[in-house]
Amino acid sequence: SGLSYIKIFDVGLRYLANRVQGHVQSRTVYYLMNIHVTPRAIYLSRHGESQLNLRGRIGGDSGLSPRGQQYAQALAQFIRSQSIRELKVWTSHMKRTIETAEALGVPYEQWKALNEIDA
């Protein structure tokens, strides 16, 4: 048919997209294909305190302060206590976020989109 549509079978088991054109339609299809209908927890955490935070500066690309390292270890302990299967960890490319994630002892993925904007 000449219509644009997406058909979702069995709550996302299978999809049929027909004549999807343009940015808005493409983004809508992407959104619909990535909806998760099973319950899940999402944890958001700021990085531990950085060396530059100690000097009252926001931004930059410094590593963690001793207190920031302590926070990262406490975060790791909390995450382990949750027994999360298939844990996904995303960080920016900044040293302090990578050091915080490394304390978790699990694989992590760096996303440029998570870097600071105008800091």
PDB file of N, CA and C in Angstrom:
ATOM      1  N   SER A   1       0.834  -1.189   0.000  1.00  0.00           N
ATOM      2  CA  SER A   1       0.000   0.000   0.000  1.00  0.00           C
ATOM      3  C   SER A   1       0.875   1.247   0.000  1.00  0.00           C
ATOM      4  N   GLY A   2       0.293   2.383  -0.311  1.00  0.00           N
ATOM      5  CA  GLY A   2       1.027   3.636  -0.377  1.00  0.00           C
ATOM      6  C   GLY A   2       1.103   4.362   0.956  1.00  0.00           C
ATOM      7  N   LEU A   3       0.584   3.767   2.017  1.00  0.00           N
ATOM      8  CA  LEU A   3       0.571   4.421   3.328  1.00  0.00           C
ATOM      9  C   LEU A   3       1.877   4.192   4.084  1.00  0.00           C
ATOM     10  N   SER A   4       2.228   5.151   4.925  1.00  0.00           N
ATOM     11  CA  SER A   4       3.354   4.981   5.845  1.00  0.00           C
ATOM     12  C   SER A   4       2.801   4.463   7.162  1.00  0.00           C
ATOM     13  N   TYR A   5       3.414   3.389   7.690  1.00  0.00           N
ATOM     14  CA  TYR A   5       2.966   2.869   8.982  1.00  0.00           C
ATOM     15  C   TYR A   5       4.019   1.948   9.575  1.00  0.00           C
ATOM     16  N   ILE A   6       3.855   1.688  10.863  1.00  0.00           N
ATOM     17  CA  ILE A   6       4.622   0.646  11.531  1.00  0.00           C
ATOM     18  C   ILE A   6       3.621  -0.255  12.231  1.00  0.00           C
ATOM     19  N   LYS A   7       3.808  -1.547  12.060  1.00  0.00           N
ATOM     20  CA  LYS A   7       2.943  -2.532  12.693  1.00  0.00           C
ATOM     21  C   LYS A   7       3.802  -3.306  13.689  1.00  0.00           C
ATOM     22  N   ILE A   8       3.320  -3.381  14.918  1.00  0.00           N
ATOM     23  CA  ILE A   8       4.058  -4.057  15.982  1.00  0.00           C
ATOM     24  C   ILE A   8       3.315  -5.344  16.324  1.00  0.00           C
ATOM     25  N   PHE A   9       4.028  -6.462  16.251  1.00  0.00           N
ATOM     26  CA  PHE A   9       3.439  -7.771  16.523  1.00  0.00           C
ATOM     27  C   PHE A   9       3.891  -8.277  17.890  1.00  0.00           C
ATOM     28  N   ASP A  10       2.962  -8.836  18.641  1.00  0.00           N
ATOM     29  CA  ASP A  10       3.255  -9.498  19.920  1.00  0.00           C
ATOM     30  C   ASP A  10       4.133  -8.646  20.843  1.00  0.00           C
ATOM     31  N   VAL A  11       3.706  -7.452  21.093  1.00  0.00           N
ATOM     32  CA  VAL A  11       4.372  -6.521  22.008  1.00  0.00           C
ATOM     33  C   VAL A  11       5.865  -6.386  21.689  1.00  0.00           C
ATOM     34  N   GLY A  12       6.177  -6.225  20.420  1.00  0.00           N
ATOM     35  CA  GLY A  12       7.553  -5.956  20.016  1.00  0.00           C
ATOM     36  C   GLY A  12       8.369  -7.159  19.611  1.00  0.00           C
ATOM     37  N   LEU A  13       7.734  -8.312  19.487  1.00  0.00           N
ATOM     38  CA  LEU A  13       8.466  -9.494  19.026  1.00  0.00           C
ATOM     39  C   LEU A  13       8.892  -9.331  17.573  1.00  0.00           C
ATOM     40  N   ARG A  14       8.042  -8.649  16.792  1.00  0.00           N
ATOM     41  CA  ARG A  14       8.335  -8.428  15.379  1.00  0.00           C
ATOM     42  C   ARG A  14       7.731  -7.094  14.961  1.00  0.00           C
ATOM     43  N   TYR A  15       8.351  -6.447  13.958  1.00  0.00           N
ATOM     44  CA  TYR A  15       7.902  -5.145  13.468  1.00  0.00           C
ATOM     45  C   TYR A  15       7.798  -5.178  11.954  1.00  0.00           C
ATOM     46  N   LEU A  16       6.870  -4.384  11.442  1.00  0.00           N
ATOM     47  CA  LEU A  16       6.774  -4.167  10.005  1.00  0.00           C
ATOM     48  C   LEU A  16       6.656  -2.662   9.788  1.00  0.00           C
ATOM     49  N   ALA A  17       7.657  -2.089   9.138  1.00  0.00           N
ATOM     50  CA  ALA A  17       7.639  -0.653   8.831  1.00  0.00           C
ATOM     51  C   ALA A  17       7.462  -0.508   7.328  1.00  0.00           C
ATOM     52  N   ASN A  18       6.497   0.299   6.922  1.00  0.00           N
ATOM     53  CA  ASN A  18       6.191   0.471   5.502  1.00  0.00           C
ATOM     54  C   ASN A  18       6.297   1.937   5.111  1.00  0.00           C
ATOM     55  N   ARG A  19       7.089   2.213   4.098  1.00  0.00           N
ATOM     56  CA  ARG A  19       7.228   3.549   3.509  1.00  0.00           C
ATOM     57  C   ARG A  19       7.538   4.630   4.549  1.00  0.00           C
ATOM     58  N   VAL A  20       8.463   4.319   5.426  1.00  0.00           N
ATOM     59  CA  VAL A  20       8.888   5.292   6.431  1.00  0.00           C
ATOM     60  C   VAL A  20       9.872   6.241   5.765  1.00  0.00           C
ATOM     61  N   GLN A  21       9.540   7.537   5.783  1.00  0.00           N
ATOM     62  CA  GLN A  21      10.364   8.535   5.103  1.00  0.00           C
ATOM     63  C   GLN A  21      10.539   9.751   5.996  1.00  0.00           C
ATOM     64  N   GLY A  22      11.714  10.322   5.968  1.00  0.00           N
ATOM     65  CA  GLY A  22      11.957  11.567   6.688  1.00  0.00           C
ATOM     66  C   GLY A  22      12.405  11.351   8.121  1.00  0.00           C
ATOM     67  N   HIS A  23      12.881  12.434   8.695  1.00  0.00           N
ATOM     68  CA  HIS A  23      13.460  12.397  10.034  1.00  0.00           C
ATOM     69  C   HIS A  23      12.428  12.042  11.107  1.00  0.00           C
ATOM     70  N   VAL A  24      11.299  12.702  11.118  1.00  0.00           N
ATOM     71  CA  VAL A  24      10.305  12.484  12.178  1.00  0.00           C
ATOM     72  C   VAL A  24       9.789  11.051  12.150  1.00  0.00           C
ATOM     73  N   GLN A  25       9.452  10.550  10.980  1.00  0.00           N
ATOM     74  CA  GLN A  25       8.967   9.173  10.889  1.00  0.00           C
ATOM     75  C   GLN A  25      10.053   8.184  11.305  1.00  0.00           C
ATOM     76  N   SER A  26      11.276   8.420  10.874  1.00  0.00           N
ATOM     77  CA  SER A  26      12.379   7.522  11.231  1.00  0.00           C
ATOM     78  C   SER A  26      12.611   7.504  12.736  1.00  0.00           C
ATOM     79  N   ARG A  27      12.593   8.681  13.366  1.00  0.00           N
ATOM     80  CA  ARG A  27      12.792   8.746  14.816  1.00  0.00           C
ATOM     81  C   ARG A  27      11.636   8.077  15.559  1.00  0.00           C
ATOM     82  N   THR A  28      10.429   8.225  15.043  1.00  0.00           N
ATOM     83  CA  THR A  28       9.268   7.585  15.666  1.00  0.00           C
ATOM     84  C   THR A  28       9.401   6.071  15.608  1.00  0.00           C
ATOM     85  N   VAL A  29       9.790   5.552  14.457  1.00  0.00           N
ATOM     86  CA  VAL A  29       9.987   4.103  14.316  1.00  0.00           C
ATOM     87  C   VAL A  29      11.087   3.639  15.266  1.00  0.00           C
ATOM     88  N   TYR A  30      12.189   4.372  15.320  1.00  0.00           N
ATOM     89  CA  TYR A  30      13.284   4.025  16.226  1.00  0.00           C
ATOM     90  C   TYR A  30      12.778   3.968  17.667  1.00  0.00           C
ATOM     91  N   TYR A  31      12.024   4.981  18.078  1.00  0.00           N
ATOM     92  CA  TYR A  31      11.475   5.024  19.434  1.00  0.00           C
ATOM     93  C   TYR A  31      10.589   3.809  19.698  1.00  0.00           C
ATOM     94  N   LEU A  32       9.669   3.529  18.796  1.00  0.00           N
ATOM     95  CA  LEU A  32       8.743   2.412  18.993  1.00  0.00           C
ATOM     96  C   LEU A  32       9.465   1.067  19.033  1.00  0.00           C
ATOM     97  N   MET A  33      10.542   0.939  18.263  1.00  0.00           N
ATOM     98  CA  MET A  33      11.272  -0.327  18.237  1.00  0.00           C
ATOM     99  C   MET A  33      12.174  -0.496  19.455  1.00  0.00           C
ATOM    100  N   ASN A  34      12.365   0.566  20.220  1.00  0.00           N
ATOM    101  CA  ASN A  34      13.239   0.488  21.386  1.00  0.00           C
ATOM    102  C   ASN A  34      12.505   0.654  22.705  1.00  0.00           C
ATOM    103  N   ILE A  35      11.194   0.589  22.683  1.00  0.00           N
ATOM    104  CA  ILE A  35      10.421   0.621  23.923  1.00  0.00           C
ATOM    105  C   ILE A  35      10.608  -0.721  24.625  1.00  0.00           C
ATOM    106  N   HIS A  36      10.894  -0.660  25.908  1.00  0.00           N
ATOM    107  CA  HIS A  36      11.028  -1.879  26.704  1.00  0.00           C
ATOM    108  C   HIS A  36       9.803  -1.988  27.600  1.00  0.00           C
ATOM    109  N   VAL A  37       9.055  -3.048  27.446  1.00  0.00           N
ATOM    110  CA  VAL A  37       7.821  -3.190  28.213  1.00  0.00           C
ATOM    111  C   VAL A  37       8.022  -4.000  29.486  1.00  0.00           C
ATOM    112  N   THR A  38       9.222  -4.515  29.697  1.00  0.00           N
ATOM    113  CA  THR A  38       9.480  -5.235  30.936  1.00  0.00           C
ATOM    114  C   THR A  38       9.995  -4.257  31.984  1.00  0.00           C
ATOM    115  N   PRO A  39       9.596  -4.444  33.229  1.00  0.00           N
ATOM    116  CA  PRO A  39      10.062  -3.541  34.282  1.00  0.00           C
ATOM    117  C   PRO A  39      11.582  -3.621  34.435  1.00  0.00           C
ATOM    118  N   ARG A  40      12.196  -2.496  34.699  1.00  0.00           N
ATOM    119  CA  ARG A  40      13.643  -2.464  34.922  1.00  0.00           C
ATOM    120  C   ARG A  40      13.973  -1.233  35.748  1.00  0.00           C
ATOM    121  N   ALA A  41      15.076  -1.334  36.450  1.00  0.00           N
ATOM    122  CA  ALA A  41      15.556  -0.197  37.235  1.00  0.00           C
ATOM    123  C   ALA A  41      16.605   0.547  36.420  1.00  0.00           C
ATOM    124  N   ILE A  42      16.580   1.852  36.517  1.00  0.00           N
ATOM    125  CA  ILE A  42      17.600   2.688  35.890  1.00  0.00           C
ATOM    126  C   ILE A  42      18.223   3.530  37.001  1.00  0.00           C
ATOM    127  N   TYR A  43      19.524   3.402  37.157  1.00  0.00           N
ATOM    128  CA  TYR A  43      20.248   4.166  38.163  1.00  0.00           C
ATOM    129  C   TYR A  43      21.052   5.246  37.459  1.00  0.00           C
ATOM    130  N   LEU A  44      20.950   6.467  37.932  1.00  0.00           N
ATOM    131  CA  LEU A  44      21.742   7.581  37.420  1.00  0.00           C
ATOM    132  C   LEU A  44      22.657   8.047  38.544  1.00  0.00           C
ATOM    133  N   SER A  45      23.915   8.259  38.211  1.00  0.00           N
ATOM    134  CA  SER A  45      24.859   8.721  39.220  1.00  0.00           C
ATOM    135  C   SER A  45      25.764   9.786  38.633  1.00  0.00           C
ATOM    136  N   ARG A  46      26.035  10.768  39.418  1.00  0.00           N
ATOM    137  CA  ARG A  46      27.048  11.750  39.049  1.00  0.00           C
ATOM    138  C   ARG A  46      28.401  11.120  39.353  1.00  0.00           C
ATOM    139  N   HIS A  47      29.441  11.580  38.709  1.00  0.00           N
ATOM    140  CA  HIS A  47      30.786  11.090  39.004  1.00  0.00           C
ATOM    141  C   HIS A  47      31.183  11.507  40.411  1.00  0.00           C
ATOM    142  N   GLY A  48      32.220  10.856  40.931  1.00  0.00           N
ATOM    143  CA  GLY A  48      32.758  11.266  42.218  1.00  0.00           C
ATOM    144  C   GLY A  48      33.407  12.641  42.127  1.00  0.00           C
ATOM    145  N   GLU A  49      33.671  13.231  43.273  1.00  0.00           N
ATOM    146  CA  GLU A  49      34.290  14.558  43.330  1.00  0.00           C
ATOM    147  C   GLU A  49      35.617  14.552  42.558  1.00  0.00           C
ATOM    148  N   SER A  50      35.831  15.576  41.743  1.00  0.00           N
ATOM    149  CA  SER A  50      37.064  15.654  40.947  1.00  0.00           C
ATOM    150  C   SER A  50      38.085  16.571  41.616  1.00  0.00           C
ATOM    151  N   GLN A  51      39.325  16.489  41.136  1.00  0.00           N
ATOM    152  CA  GLN A  51      40.382  17.374  41.633  1.00  0.00           C
ATOM    153  C   GLN A  51      40.011  18.844  41.414  1.00  0.00           C
ATOM    154  N   LEU A  52      39.411  19.137  40.264  1.00  0.00           N
ATOM    155  CA  LEU A  52      39.021  20.525  39.983  1.00  0.00           C
ATOM    156  C   LEU A  52      37.855  20.977  40.858  1.00  0.00           C
ATOM    157  N   ASN A  53      36.972  20.050  41.254  1.00  0.00           N
ATOM    158  CA  ASN A  53      35.893  20.408  42.173  1.00  0.00           C
ATOM    159  C   ASN A  53      36.461  20.931  43.490  1.00  0.00           C
ATOM    160  N   LEU A  54      37.599  20.374  43.911  1.00  0.00           N
ATOM    161  CA  LEU A  54      38.233  20.821  45.157  1.00  0.00           C
ATOM    162  C   LEU A  54      38.643  22.285  45.084  1.00  0.00           C
ATOM    163  N   ARG A  55      38.949  22.754  43.890  1.00  0.00           N
ATOM    164  CA  ARG A  55      39.353  24.150  43.690  1.00  0.00           C
ATOM    165  C   ARG A  55      38.167  25.035  43.338  1.00  0.00           C
ATOM    166  N   GLY A  56      36.961  24.477  43.431  1.00  0.00           N
ATOM    167  CA  GLY A  56      35.766  25.254  43.142  1.00  0.00           C
ATOM    168  C   GLY A  56      35.492  25.430  41.664  1.00  0.00           C
ATOM    169  N   ARG A  57      36.144  24.638  40.833  1.00  0.00           N
ATOM    170  CA  ARG A  57      35.954  24.758  39.387  1.00  0.00           C
ATOM    171  C   ARG A  57      34.995  23.694  38.881  1.00  0.00           C
ATOM    172  N   ILE A  58      34.167  24.095  37.951  1.00  0.00           N
ATOM    173  CA  ILE A  58      33.263  23.176  37.265  1.00  0.00           C
ATOM    174  C   ILE A  58      33.810  22.997  35.863  1.00  0.00           C
ATOM    175  N   GLY A  59      33.764  21.783  35.357  1.00  0.00           N
ATOM    176  CA  GLY A  59      34.272  21.518  34.016  1.00  0.00           C
ATOM    177  C   GLY A  59      35.694  21.016  34.078  1.00  0.00           C
ATOM    178  N   GLY A  60      36.400  21.117  32.956  1.00  0.00           N
ATOM    179  CA  GLY A  60      37.755  20.592  32.871  1.00  0.00           C
ATOM    180  C   GLY A  60      37.737  19.077  32.797  1.00  0.00           C
ATOM    181  N   ASP A  61      38.926  18.495  32.768  1.00  0.00           N
ATOM    182  CA  ASP A  61      39.008  17.037  32.619  1.00  0.00           C
ATOM    183  C   ASP A  61      39.997  16.454  33.616  1.00  0.00           C
ATOM    184  N   SER A  62      39.725  16.621  34.886  1.00  0.00           N
ATOM    185  CA  SER A  62      40.615  16.087  35.915  1.00  0.00           C
ATOM    186  C   SER A  62      40.097  14.746  36.419  1.00  0.00           C
ATOM    187  N   GLY A  63      40.982  14.043  37.106  1.00  0.00           N
ATOM    188  CA  GLY A  63      40.603  12.777  37.718  1.00  0.00           C
ATOM    189  C   GLY A  63      39.892  12.997  39.043  1.00  0.00           C
ATOM    190  N   LEU A  64      39.620  11.904  39.718  1.00  0.00           N
ATOM    191  CA  LEU A  64      38.909  11.962  40.992  1.00  0.00           C
ATOM    192  C   LEU A  64      39.829  12.386  42.128  1.00  0.00           C
ATOM    193  N   SER A  65      39.253  13.081  43.083  1.00  0.00           N
ATOM    194  CA  SER A  65      39.944  13.400  44.333  1.00  0.00           C
ATOM    195  C   SER A  65      39.878  12.151  45.215  1.00  0.00           C
ATOM    196  N   PRO A  66      40.611  12.115  46.338  1.00  0.00           N
ATOM    197  CA  PRO A  66      40.474  10.969  47.248  1.00  0.00           C
ATOM    198  C   PRO A  66      39.023  10.748  47.692  1.00  0.00           C
ATOM    199  N   ARG A  67      38.315  11.835  47.954  1.00  0.00           N
ATOM    200  CA  ARG A  67      36.903  11.693  48.342  1.00  0.00           C
ATOM    201  C   ARG A  67      36.070  11.171  47.173  1.00  0.00           C
ATOM    202  N   GLY A  68      36.415  11.573  45.944  1.00  0.00           N
ATOM    203  CA  GLY A  68      35.738  11.057  44.759  1.00  0.00           C
ATOM    204  C   GLY A  68      35.984   9.571  44.570  1.00  0.00           C
ATOM    205  N   GLN A  69      37.208   9.127  44.870  1.00  0.00           N
ATOM    206  CA  GLN A  69      37.523   7.695  44.792  1.00  0.00           C
ATOM    207  C   GLN A  69      36.748   6.920  45.844  1.00  0.00           C
ATOM    208  N   GLN A  70      36.607   7.516  47.018  1.00  0.00           N
ATOM    209  CA  GLN A  70      35.823   6.892  48.083  1.00  0.00           C
ATOM    210  C   GLN A  70      34.359   6.751  47.646  1.00  0.00           C
ATOM    211  N   TYR A  71      33.829   7.788  47.010  1.00  0.00           N
ATOM    212  CA  TYR A  71      32.456   7.731  46.488  1.00  0.00           C
ATOM    213  C   TYR A  71      32.326   6.617  45.454  1.00  0.00           C
ATOM    214  N   ALA A  72      33.294   6.517  44.544  1.00  0.00           N
ATOM    215  CA  ALA A  72      33.240   5.495  43.496  1.00  0.00           C
ATOM    216  C   ALA A  72      33.229   4.093  44.104  1.00  0.00           C
ATOM    217  N   GLN A  73      34.008   3.885  45.163  1.00  0.00           N
ATOM    218  CA  GLN A  73      34.025   2.577  45.825  1.00  0.00           C
ATOM    219  C   GLN A  73      32.688   2.298  46.516  1.00  0.00           C
ATOM    220  N   ALA A  74      32.105   3.313  47.137  1.00  0.00           N
ATOM    221  CA  ALA A  74      30.791   3.144  47.780  1.00  0.00           C
ATOM    222  C   ALA A  74      29.719   2.847  46.735  1.00  0.00           C
ATOM    223  N   LEU A  75      29.799   3.519  45.597  1.00  0.00           N
ATOM    224  CA  LEU A  75      28.857   3.254  44.505  1.00  0.00           C
ATOM    225  C   LEU A  75      29.005   1.816  44.025  1.00  0.00           C
ATOM    226  N   ALA A  76      30.247   1.356  43.871  1.00  0.00           N
ATOM    227  CA  ALA A  76      30.498  -0.025  43.434  1.00  0.00           C
ATOM    228  C   ALA A  76      29.900  -1.023  44.422  1.00  0.00           C
ATOM    229  N   GLN A  77      30.063  -0.755  45.702  1.00  0.00           N
ATOM    230  CA  GLN A  77      29.505  -1.640  46.727  1.00  0.00           C
ATOM    231  C   GLN A  77      27.979  -1.675  46.627  1.00  0.00           C
ATOM    232  N   PHE A  78      27.367  -0.519  46.433  1.00  0.00           N
ATOM    233  CA  PHE A  78      25.911  -0.468  46.288  1.00  0.00           C
ATOM    234  C   PHE A  78      25.455  -1.256  45.062  1.00  0.00           C
ATOM    235  N   ILE A  79      26.116  -1.050  43.929  1.00  0.00           N
ATOM    236  CA  ILE A  79      25.730  -1.741  42.693  1.00  0.00           C
ATOM    237  C   ILE A  79      25.866  -3.252  42.870  1.00  0.00           C
ATOM    238  N   ARG A  80      26.946  -3.701  43.496  1.00  0.00           N
ATOM    239  CA  ARG A  80      27.113  -5.146  43.741  1.00  0.00           C
ATOM    240  C   ARG A  80      25.978  -5.680  44.609  1.00  0.00           C
ATOM    241  N   SER A  81      25.544  -4.898  45.594  1.00  0.00           N
ATOM    242  CA  SER A  81      24.476  -5.348  46.499  1.00  0.00           C
ATOM    243  C   SER A  81      23.138  -5.510  45.779  1.00  0.00           C
ATOM    244  N   GLN A  82      22.992  -4.879  44.618  1.00  0.00           N
ATOM    245  CA  GLN A  82      21.742  -4.955  43.868  1.00  0.00           C
ATOM    246  C   GLN A  82      21.656  -6.197  42.988  1.00  0.00           C
ATOM    247  N   SER A  83      22.766  -6.905  42.791  1.00  0.00           N
ATOM    248  CA  SER A  83      22.810  -8.123  41.959  1.00  0.00           C
ATOM    249  C   SER A  83      22.128  -7.897  40.610  1.00  0.00           C
ATOM    250  N   ILE A  84      22.567  -6.898  39.891  1.00  0.00           N
ATOM    251  CA  ILE A  84      21.947  -6.524  38.617  1.00  0.00           C
ATOM    252  C   ILE A  84      22.480  -7.414  37.504  1.00  0.00           C
ATOM    253  N   ARG A  85      21.578  -8.116  36.844  1.00  0.00           N
ATOM    254  CA  ARG A  85      21.962  -8.913  35.678  1.00  0.00           C
ATOM    255  C   ARG A  85      22.033  -7.993  34.471  1.00  0.00           C
ATOM    256  N   GLU A  86      22.960  -8.270  33.604  1.00  0.00           N
ATOM    257  CA  GLU A  86      23.106  -7.511  32.359  1.00  0.00           C
ATOM    258  C   GLU A  86      23.217  -6.003  32.615  1.00  0.00           C
ATOM    259  N   LEU A  87      24.048  -5.639  33.558  1.00  0.00           N
ATOM    260  CA  LEU A  87      24.258  -4.231  33.895  1.00  0.00           C
ATOM    261  C   LEU A  87      24.890  -3.499  32.721  1.00  0.00           C
ATOM    262  N   LYS A  88      24.337  -2.357  32.365  1.00  0.00           N
ATOM    263  CA  LYS A  88      24.887  -1.487  31.324  1.00  0.00           C
ATOM    264  C   LYS A  88      25.359  -0.209  32.004  1.00  0.00           C
ATOM    265  N   VAL A  89      26.598   0.168  31.753  1.00  0.00           N
ATOM    266  CA  VAL A  89      27.156   1.385  32.334  1.00  0.00           C
ATOM    267  C   VAL A  89      27.621   2.280  31.194  1.00  0.00           C
ATOM    268  N   TRP A  90      27.165   3.519  31.213  1.00  0.00           N
ATOM    269  CA  TRP A  90      27.554   4.503  30.202  1.00  0.00           C
ATOM    270  C   TRP A  90      28.240   5.662  30.907  1.00  0.00           C
ATOM    271  N   THR A  91      29.309   6.161  30.292  1.00  0.00           N
ATOM    272  CA  THR A  91      30.017   7.322  30.821  1.00  0.00           C
ATOM    273  C   THR A  91      30.272   8.309  29.690  1.00  0.00           C
ATOM    274  N   SER A  92      30.681   9.497  30.078  1.00  0.00           N
ATOM    275  CA  SER A  92      31.199  10.445  29.091  1.00  0.00           C
ATOM    276  C   SER A  92      32.649  10.056  28.795  1.00  0.00           C
ATOM    277  N   HIS A  93      33.371  10.894  28.099  1.00  0.00           N
ATOM    278  CA  HIS A  93      34.786  10.657  27.824  1.00  0.00           C
ATOM    279  C   HIS A  93      35.681  11.323  28.870  1.00  0.00           C
ATOM    280  N   MET A  94      35.092  11.906  29.901  1.00  0.00           N
ATOM    281  CA  MET A  94      35.844  12.651  30.905  1.00  0.00           C
ATOM    282  C   MET A  94      36.511  11.690  31.899  1.00  0.00           C
ATOM    283  N   LYS A  95      37.737  12.039  32.322  1.00  0.00           N
ATOM    284  CA  LYS A  95      38.512  11.176  33.227  1.00  0.00           C
ATOM    285  C   LYS A  95      37.733  10.817  34.487  1.00  0.00           C
ATOM    286  N   ARG A  96      37.090  11.810  35.093  1.00  0.00           N
ATOM    287  CA  ARG A  96      36.410  11.567  36.368  1.00  0.00           C
ATOM    288  C   ARG A  96      35.254  10.586  36.229  1.00  0.00           C
ATOM    289  N   THR A  97      34.564  10.599  35.078  1.00  0.00           N
ATOM    290  CA  THR A  97      33.455   9.652  34.892  1.00  0.00           C
ATOM    291  C   THR A  97      33.992   8.254  34.608  1.00  0.00           C
ATOM    292  N   ILE A  98      35.086   8.186  33.872  1.00  0.00           N
ATOM    293  CA  ILE A  98      35.698   6.886  33.572  1.00  0.00           C
ATOM    294  C   ILE A  98      36.240   6.257  34.851  1.00  0.00           C
ATOM    295  N   GLU A  99      36.910   7.052  35.685  1.00  0.00           N
ATOM    296  CA  GLU A  99      37.433   6.527  36.950  1.00  0.00           C
ATOM    297  C   GLU A  99      36.302   6.048  37.860  1.00  0.00           C
ATOM    298  N   THR A 100      35.199   6.764  37.875  1.00  0.00           N
ATOM    299  CA  THR A 100      34.045   6.336  38.672  1.00  0.00           C
ATOM    300  C   THR A 100      33.513   5.009  38.147  1.00  0.00           C
ATOM    301  N   ALA A 101      33.384   4.880  36.836  1.00  0.00           N
ATOM    302  CA  ALA A 101      32.876   3.643  36.233  1.00  0.00           C
ATOM    303  C   ALA A 101      33.839   2.482  36.433  1.00  0.00           C
ATOM    304  N   GLU A 102      35.134   2.734  36.336  1.00  0.00           N
ATOM    305  CA  GLU A 102      36.117   1.657  36.487  1.00  0.00           C
ATOM    306  C   GLU A 102      36.057   1.031  37.873  1.00  0.00           C
ATOM    307  N   ALA A 103      35.683   1.806  38.869  1.00  0.00           N
ATOM    308  CA  ALA A 103      35.561   1.274  40.228  1.00  0.00           C
ATOM    309  C   ALA A 103      34.481   0.202  40.318  1.00  0.00           C
ATOM    310  N   LEU A 104      33.521   0.241  39.403  1.00  0.00           N
ATOM    311  CA  LEU A 104      32.441  -0.747  39.422  1.00  0.00           C
ATOM    312  C   LEU A 104      32.937  -2.136  39.038  1.00  0.00           C
ATOM    313  N   GLY A 105      34.032  -2.193  38.289  1.00  0.00           N
ATOM    314  CA  GLY A 105      34.586  -3.485  37.898  1.00  0.00           C
ATOM    315  C   GLY A 105      33.778  -4.211  36.842  1.00  0.00           C
ATOM    316  N   VAL A 106      33.027  -3.465  36.051  1.00  0.00           N
ATOM    317  CA  VAL A 106      32.230  -4.064  34.969  1.00  0.00           C
ATOM    318  C   VAL A 106      32.539  -3.304  33.679  1.00  0.00           C
ATOM    319  N   PRO A 107      32.244  -3.904  32.531  1.00  0.00           N
ATOM    320  CA  PRO A 107      32.455  -3.165  31.281  1.00  0.00           C
ATOM    321  C   PRO A 107      31.587  -1.903  31.242  1.00  0.00           C
ATOM    322  N   TYR A 108      32.105  -0.880  30.598  1.00  0.00           N
ATOM    323  CA  TYR A 108      31.351   0.362  30.446  1.00  0.00           C
ATOM    324  C   TYR A 108      31.558   0.877  29.034  1.00  0.00           C
ATOM    325  N   GLU A 109      30.626   1.715  28.617  1.00  0.00           N
ATOM    326  CA  GLU A 109      30.672   2.272  27.270  1.00  0.00           C
ATOM    327  C   GLU A 109      30.757   3.793  27.370  1.00  0.00           C
ATOM    328  N   GLN A 110      31.688   4.378  26.621  1.00  0.00           N
ATOM    329  CA  GLN A 110      31.844   5.830  26.620  1.00  0.00           C
ATOM    330  C   GLN A 110      31.001   6.434  25.503  1.00  0.00           C
ATOM    331  N   TRP A 111      30.224   7.454  25.845  1.00  0.00           N
ATOM    332  CA  TRP A 111      29.365   8.144  24.883  1.00  0.00           C
ATOM    333  C   TRP A 111      29.757   9.615  24.846  1.00  0.00           C
ATOM    334  N   LYS A 112      30.161  10.079  23.695  1.00  0.00           N
ATOM    335  CA  LYS A 112      30.515  11.491  23.539  1.00  0.00           C
ATOM    336  C   LYS A 112      29.328  12.394  23.877  1.00  0.00           C
ATOM    337  N   ALA A 113      28.123  11.932  23.596  1.00  0.00           N
ATOM    338  CA  ALA A 113      26.920  12.723  23.868  1.00  0.00           C
ATOM    339  C   ALA A 113      26.755  13.027  25.360  1.00  0.00           C
ATOM    340  N   LEU A 114      27.443  12.275  26.225  1.00  0.00           N
ATOM    341  CA  LEU A 114      27.354  12.511  27.662  1.00  0.00           C
ATOM    342  C   LEU A 114      28.406  13.499  28.157  1.00  0.00           C
ATOM    343  N   ASN A 115      29.291  13.962  27.271  1.00  0.00           N
ATOM    344  CA  ASN A 115      30.281  14.970  27.662  1.00  0.00           C
ATOM    345  C   ASN A 115      29.583  16.264  28.056  1.00  0.00           C
ATOM    346  N   GLU A 116      30.298  17.094  28.811  1.00  0.00           N
ATOM    347  CA  GLU A 116      29.733  18.371  29.246  1.00  0.00           C
ATOM    348  C   GLU A 116      29.475  19.295  28.067  1.00  0.00           C
ATOM    349  N   ILE A 117      28.501  20.137  28.243  1.00  0.00           N
ATOM    350  CA  ILE A 117      28.199  21.170  27.256  1.00  0.00           C
ATOM    351  C   ILE A 117      28.440  22.517  27.928  1.00  0.00           C
ATOM    352  N   ASP A 118      29.312  23.318  27.370  1.00  0.00           N
ATOM    353  CA  ASP A 118      29.569  24.689  27.848  1.00  0.00           C
ATOM    354  C   ASP A 118      29.958  24.777  29.319  1.00  0.00           C
ATOM    355  N   ALA A 119      30.784  23.852  29.795  1.00  0.00           N
ATOM    356  CA  ALA A 119      31.221  23.940  31.201  1.00  0.00           C
ATOM    357  C   ALA A 119      32.618  24.511  31.282  1.00  0.00           C
TER     358      ALA A 119
END
